[in-house]
Amino acid sequence: MNFGGDEVKYSYDDSAFVIVPVPYDQTSTWIKGSEKGPEAILEASVNLEFYDIETSTQAHLKGIFTAGPVVSSGTPESLVNAVYDRIMTLLKEGKYPVIIGGNHTVTVGSVSAFADYYDKLSVLQLDAHADLREEYEGSRYNHACVMARVREKADIVQVGIRSMSAGEVPVADRERLFFAHNLYNDKSLYRKALERLTENVYITIDLDVFDPSLIPSTGTPEPGGPDYFELMHFLAEVIREKNVVGFDVVELCPSPDNKVPDFVAAKIIYQLLSYVVAKTLT
């Protein structure tokens, strides 16, 4: 299935944007099922309206192509390498990749490709968890270690964090870490987070950054997250002021009893593409 269904059907050559599904769940540690996330997002995306009210754009007119999934049955490292190869190919061919997971491990391969392609890349992480463990459950590529691996390739800014282990505290950069409880009380911190980013930015969105009242369908839900408009308005500002070169949306663990999170994830993807297109028109 392609993103948007029959209403959004473009060839690869005619598309600026390429959706890359990565149905991967091997390193998940609690609720399983994130390998079903990409399919659920694609199915829900058929129900989007493709005129965006906020930006008065139709981002799909730039072309959105849905590529075949990146899969690996081997080690987490082999999955990371497979994602790297796919994303690097797309970047060299002038495409704008959008990666949908799968759990957060997929981000390591994606960021590695972007960091090798773009100079002075920084990564904006929206997440409930710091994900700074050096190793977890015997793997350096566990989804709980993703930002430890990512910051080996690029500077990171962490927004929405409200869960971390005692072992992560001494290795966290408090100048680049913005806790959810502080953001709740002081919205000016979003501006400070933006100012910590370099010109070229990659965004990784773990859906558990949102309060579980909006998105309960994640592998590790955490209460106390920001709401939809708060985060989307922040991301709109980031896209206006920085060169956002790509992004991912990960950690949807879909439930057959609640399709709302699937749709919200699809909406987030299209809304970000709408912000990207709107910037080119100003």
Protein backbone atom coordinates (compact mmCIF):
# COMPACT_ATOMS: atom_id res chain seq x y z
CA MET A 1 0.00 0.00 0.00
CA ASN A 2 1.21 3.52 -0.74
CA PHE A 3 0.90 6.50 1.58
CA GLY A 4 -2.40 8.22 0.85
CA GLY A 5 -3.86 5.36 -1.18
CA ASP A 6 -5.10 5.94 -4.72
CA GLU A 7 -5.41 9.70 -4.18
CA VAL A 8 -1.65 10.01 -3.67
CA LYS A 9 -0.14 7.83 -6.36
CA TYR A 10 3.06 9.00 -8.01
CA SER A 11 5.98 7.34 -9.72
CA TYR A 12 9.41 7.36 -8.12
CA ASP A 13 10.80 9.71 -10.76
CA ASP A 14 7.94 12.19 -10.26
CA SER A 15 8.21 12.25 -6.45
CA ALA A 16 10.18 14.62 -4.24
CA PHE A 17 9.28 12.65 -1.12
CA VAL A 18 9.89 8.95 -0.55
CA ILE A 19 8.24 7.06 2.30
CA VAL A 20 10.45 4.23 3.59
CA PRO A 21 8.69 1.65 5.79
CA VAL A 22 10.93 -0.28 8.19
CA PRO A 23 8.79 -2.95 9.92
CA TYR A 24 11.26 -3.84 12.69
CA ASP A 25 10.59 -4.93 16.26
CA GLN A 26 13.48 -7.20 17.22
CA THR A 27 15.00 -4.97 19.93
CA SER A 28 11.72 -3.93 21.58
CA THR A 29 11.69 -4.56 25.32
CA TRP A 30 8.09 -4.34 26.55
CA ILE A 31 4.97 -4.23 24.36
CA LYS A 32 5.66 -5.96 21.06
CA GLY A 33 4.16 -5.16 17.69
CA SER A 34 5.97 -2.12 16.31
CA GLU A 35 6.84 -4.09 13.17
CA LYS A 36 3.16 -3.62 12.29
CA GLY A 37 3.43 0.15 12.66
CA PRO A 38 4.32 1.06 9.07
CA GLU A 39 1.44 -0.92 7.60
CA ALA A 40 -1.02 0.60 10.09
CA ILE A 41 0.17 4.11 9.26
CA LEU A 42 -0.13 3.49 5.53
CA GLU A 43 -3.64 2.07 5.95
CA ALA A 44 -4.73 5.05 8.07
CA SER A 45 -3.18 7.57 5.65
CA VAL A 46 -5.88 6.77 3.08
CA ASN A 47 -8.30 8.72 5.29
CA LEU A 48 -6.31 11.97 5.33
CA GLU A 49 -7.47 15.13 3.62
CA PHE A 50 -4.62 16.22 1.37
CA TYR A 51 -5.36 19.93 1.45
CA ASP A 52 -3.65 21.26 4.58
CA ILE A 53 -5.62 24.04 6.26
CA GLU A 54 -2.75 25.38 8.34
CA THR A 55 -0.39 25.98 5.41
CA SER A 56 -2.90 26.23 2.54
CA THR A 57 -0.83 23.68 0.62
CA GLN A 58 -1.26 20.31 -1.05
CA ALA A 59 2.08 18.69 -0.28
CA HIS A 60 1.27 15.57 -2.26
CA LEU A 61 1.48 17.57 -5.50
CA LYS A 62 5.26 17.47 -5.04
CA GLY A 63 4.97 13.70 -5.36
CA ILE A 64 4.97 11.11 -2.58
CA PHE A 65 6.29 7.66 -3.46
CA THR A 66 6.09 4.73 -1.04
CA ALA A 67 9.11 2.47 -1.38
CA GLY A 68 9.24 -1.21 -0.56
CA PRO A 69 10.00 -1.99 3.08
CA VAL A 70 13.51 -2.36 4.47
CA VAL A 71 13.68 -5.74 6.17
CA SER A 72 16.39 -7.76 7.87
CA SER A 73 16.12 -11.06 9.71
CA GLY A 74 19.66 -10.90 11.03
CA THR A 75 21.29 -8.92 13.82
CA PRO A 76 20.26 -5.38 14.78
CA GLU A 77 23.48 -4.22 13.14
CA SER A 78 22.39 -5.77 9.84
CA LEU A 79 19.10 -3.87 10.03
CA VAL A 80 20.96 -0.63 10.73
CA ASN A 81 23.20 -1.27 7.72
CA ALA A 82 20.24 -2.06 5.47
CA VAL A 83 18.52 1.20 6.45
CA TYR A 84 21.76 3.10 5.89
CA ASP A 85 22.15 1.73 2.38
CA ARG A 86 18.56 2.53 1.41
CA ILE A 87 18.63 6.07 2.76
CA MET A 88 22.02 6.88 1.27
CA THR A 89 20.77 5.78 -2.14
CA LEU A 90 17.75 8.06 -1.84
CA LEU A 91 19.86 11.03 -0.77
CA LYS A 92 22.24 10.56 -3.68
CA GLU A 93 19.24 10.49 -6.02
CA GLY A 94 17.96 13.81 -4.68
CA LYS A 95 14.97 12.46 -2.77
CA TYR A 96 13.58 13.59 0.60
CA PRO A 97 13.32 10.43 2.74
CA VAL A 98 10.64 9.91 5.38
CA ILE A 99 11.22 6.80 7.46
CA ILE A 100 8.39 5.05 9.33
CA GLY A 101 9.11 2.38 11.92
CA GLY A 102 9.26 -0.05 13.47
CA ASN A 103 11.02 0.65 16.72
CA HIS A 104 13.61 3.32 17.33
CA THR A 105 16.59 1.18 16.31
CA VAL A 106 15.81 2.05 12.68
CA THR A 107 16.85 5.65 13.39
CA VAL A 108 20.49 4.67 13.88
CA GLY A 109 20.86 3.59 10.26
CA SER A 110 18.95 6.57 8.96
CA VAL A 111 20.90 9.17 10.92
CA SER A 112 24.18 7.54 9.95
CA ALA A 113 23.34 8.05 6.27
CA PHE A 114 22.21 11.65 6.75
CA ALA A 115 25.29 12.47 8.85
CA ASP A 116 27.58 11.11 6.13
CA TYR A 117 25.71 13.05 3.45
CA TYR A 118 25.20 16.42 5.18
CA ASP A 119 27.82 18.56 6.90
CA LYS A 120 27.29 19.54 10.53
CA LEU A 121 24.04 17.65 10.99
CA SER A 122 22.16 17.83 14.29
CA VAL A 123 19.34 15.53 15.37
CA LEU A 124 16.19 16.74 17.11
CA GLN A 125 14.74 13.90 19.18
CA LEU A 126 11.13 14.09 20.36
CA ASP A 127 10.73 11.28 22.85
CA ALA A 128 9.55 10.33 26.32
CA HIS A 129 12.81 8.45 26.95
CA ALA A 130 16.42 9.60 26.89
CA ASP A 131 17.59 6.39 25.14
CA LEU A 132 21.19 7.04 26.20
CA ARG A 133 22.07 3.62 27.55
CA GLU A 134 25.38 2.36 26.21
CA GLU A 135 24.01 -1.18 26.09
CA TYR A 136 20.73 -2.85 27.00
CA GLU A 137 19.76 -6.52 27.04
CA GLY A 138 23.08 -7.41 25.48
CA SER A 139 22.90 -5.06 22.49
CA ARG A 140 24.38 -1.64 21.76
CA TYR A 141 21.63 -1.29 19.13
CA ASN A 142 18.66 -1.84 21.42
CA HIS A 143 15.99 0.83 21.04
CA ALA A 144 16.96 2.02 24.55
CA CYS A 145 20.44 2.85 23.22
CA VAL A 146 19.47 4.65 20.03
CA MET A 147 20.52 8.17 21.03
CA ALA A 148 23.82 6.92 22.43
CA ARG A 149 24.54 5.60 18.93
CA VAL A 150 23.10 8.66 17.17
CA ARG A 151 25.27 11.14 19.05
CA GLU A 152 28.33 9.24 17.86
CA LYS A 153 27.37 10.62 14.43
CA ALA A 154 25.77 14.01 15.16
CA ASP A 155 24.91 16.53 17.87
CA ILE A 156 21.56 15.82 19.48
CA VAL A 157 18.84 17.92 21.13
CA GLN A 158 16.33 15.98 23.24
CA VAL A 159 12.80 17.33 23.78
CA GLY A 160 9.91 15.93 25.83
CA ILE A 161 12.00 13.57 27.96
CA ARG A 162 10.37 12.31 31.14
CA SER A 163 11.95 8.90 31.72
CA MET A 164 15.59 7.90 32.14
CA SER A 165 17.68 5.54 34.22
CA ALA A 166 20.11 6.66 36.91
CA GLY A 167 22.93 5.47 34.69
CA GLU A 168 21.91 7.86 31.91
CA VAL A 169 21.98 10.97 34.10
CA PRO A 170 25.77 11.51 34.15
CA VAL A 171 26.12 11.02 30.38
CA ALA A 172 23.27 13.36 29.42
CA ASP A 173 24.08 16.85 28.15
CA ARG A 174 21.80 19.01 30.27
CA GLU A 175 22.27 21.96 27.90
CA ARG A 176 20.62 19.91 25.16
CA LEU A 177 18.05 18.03 27.22
CA PHE A 178 14.57 19.51 27.70
CA PHE A 179 12.38 17.67 30.19
CA ALA A 180 8.61 17.50 29.68
CA HIS A 181 7.81 18.86 33.15
CA ASN A 182 9.95 21.95 32.49
CA LEU A 183 8.42 22.49 29.05
CA TYR A 184 4.96 22.30 30.62
CA ASN A 185 5.82 25.20 32.92
CA ASP A 186 7.99 27.25 30.57
CA LYS A 187 7.17 27.27 26.85
CA SER A 188 10.16 29.52 26.11
CA LEU A 189 12.33 26.42 26.46
CA TYR A 190 11.18 25.32 23.01
CA ARG A 191 12.99 28.36 21.58
CA LYS A 192 16.12 27.40 23.51
CA ALA A 193 15.93 23.89 22.10
CA LEU A 194 15.66 25.26 18.57
CA GLU A 195 18.68 27.50 19.13
CA ARG A 196 20.81 24.47 20.05
CA LEU A 197 20.31 22.99 16.55
CA THR A 198 22.71 23.40 13.65
CA GLU A 199 21.52 24.56 10.23
CA ASN A 200 21.00 21.02 8.88
CA VAL A 201 18.54 19.09 11.05
CA TYR A 202 17.14 15.57 11.08
CA ILE A 203 14.02 14.99 13.22
CA THR A 204 13.25 11.70 14.92
CA ILE A 205 9.81 11.38 16.49
CA ASP A 206 9.20 8.55 18.90
CA LEU A 207 5.42 8.61 19.19
CA ASP A 208 5.60 8.05 22.95
CA VAL A 209 6.66 11.70 23.20
CA PHE A 210 2.95 12.52 23.03
CA ASP A 211 0.81 12.01 26.09
CA PRO A 212 -0.69 8.49 25.99
CA SER A 213 -4.16 10.00 26.17
CA LEU A 214 -3.54 10.85 22.50
CA ILE A 215 -1.29 7.96 21.47
CA PRO A 216 -1.55 4.98 23.83
CA SER A 217 -0.35 2.55 21.14
CA THR A 218 3.40 2.57 21.76
CA GLY A 219 5.80 0.00 23.08
CA THR A 220 6.65 2.03 26.20
CA PRO A 221 3.96 4.66 26.97
CA GLU A 222 4.73 7.39 29.53
CA PRO A 223 2.25 9.86 31.06
CA GLY A 224 2.87 13.58 31.03
CA GLY A 225 3.67 14.26 27.40
CA PRO A 226 3.01 17.46 25.42
CA ASP A 227 -0.12 17.70 23.33
CA TYR A 228 -0.40 17.62 19.55
CA PHE A 229 -0.50 21.33 18.72
CA GLU A 230 2.25 22.19 21.18
CA LEU A 231 4.70 19.87 19.48
CA MET A 232 3.53 20.47 15.93
CA HIS A 233 3.81 24.25 16.30
CA PHE A 234 7.32 23.76 17.64
CA LEU A 235 8.20 21.56 14.66
CA ALA A 236 6.71 24.10 12.26
CA GLU A 237 9.06 26.71 13.73
CA VAL A 238 12.03 24.36 13.43
CA ILE A 239 11.24 23.72 9.77
CA ARG A 240 10.81 27.44 9.05
CA GLU A 241 14.14 28.39 10.63
CA LYS A 242 16.35 25.39 9.87
CA ASN A 243 17.07 23.13 6.93
CA VAL A 244 15.20 19.99 7.96
CA VAL A 245 16.62 17.39 5.60
CA GLY A 246 14.49 14.40 6.63
CA PHE A 247 12.64 12.79 9.49
CA ASP A 248 11.31 9.58 10.92
CA VAL A 249 8.23 8.56 12.91
CA VAL A 250 8.73 5.42 14.97
CA GLU A 251 7.41 3.21 17.78
CA LEU A 252 3.76 2.90 16.79
CA CYS A 253 2.54 -0.39 18.24
CA PRO A 254 -0.92 -0.55 16.66
CA SER A 255 -3.98 -1.89 18.43
CA PRO A 256 -6.91 -3.44 16.54
CA ASP A 257 -9.23 -1.80 19.06
CA ASN A 258 -8.05 1.78 18.58
CA LYS A 259 -7.18 3.16 15.15
CA VAL A 260 -6.82 6.77 16.34
CA PRO A 261 -3.04 6.57 17.01
CA ASP A 262 -2.50 5.12 13.52
CA PHE A 263 -4.26 8.10 11.98
CA VAL A 264 -2.46 10.61 14.21
CA ALA A 265 0.87 9.17 13.10
CA ALA A 266 -0.14 9.50 9.44
CA LYS A 267 -1.34 13.06 10.09
CA ILE A 268 1.99 13.98 11.70
CA ILE A 269 3.87 12.78 8.63
CA TYR A 270 1.69 14.72 6.21
CA GLN A 271 1.67 17.81 8.41
CA LEU A 272 5.47 17.88 8.48
CA LEU A 273 5.58 17.49 4.71
CA SER A 274 3.12 20.39 4.48
CA TYR A 275 5.46 22.55 6.57
CA VAL A 276 8.38 21.58 4.32
CA VAL A 277 6.44 22.49 1.17
CA ALA A 278 5.11 25.74 2.68
CA LYS A 279 8.66 26.86 3.39
CA THR A 280 9.59 26.49 -0.27
CA LEU A 281 6.69 28.77 -1.25
CA THR A 282 7.66 31.69 1.01
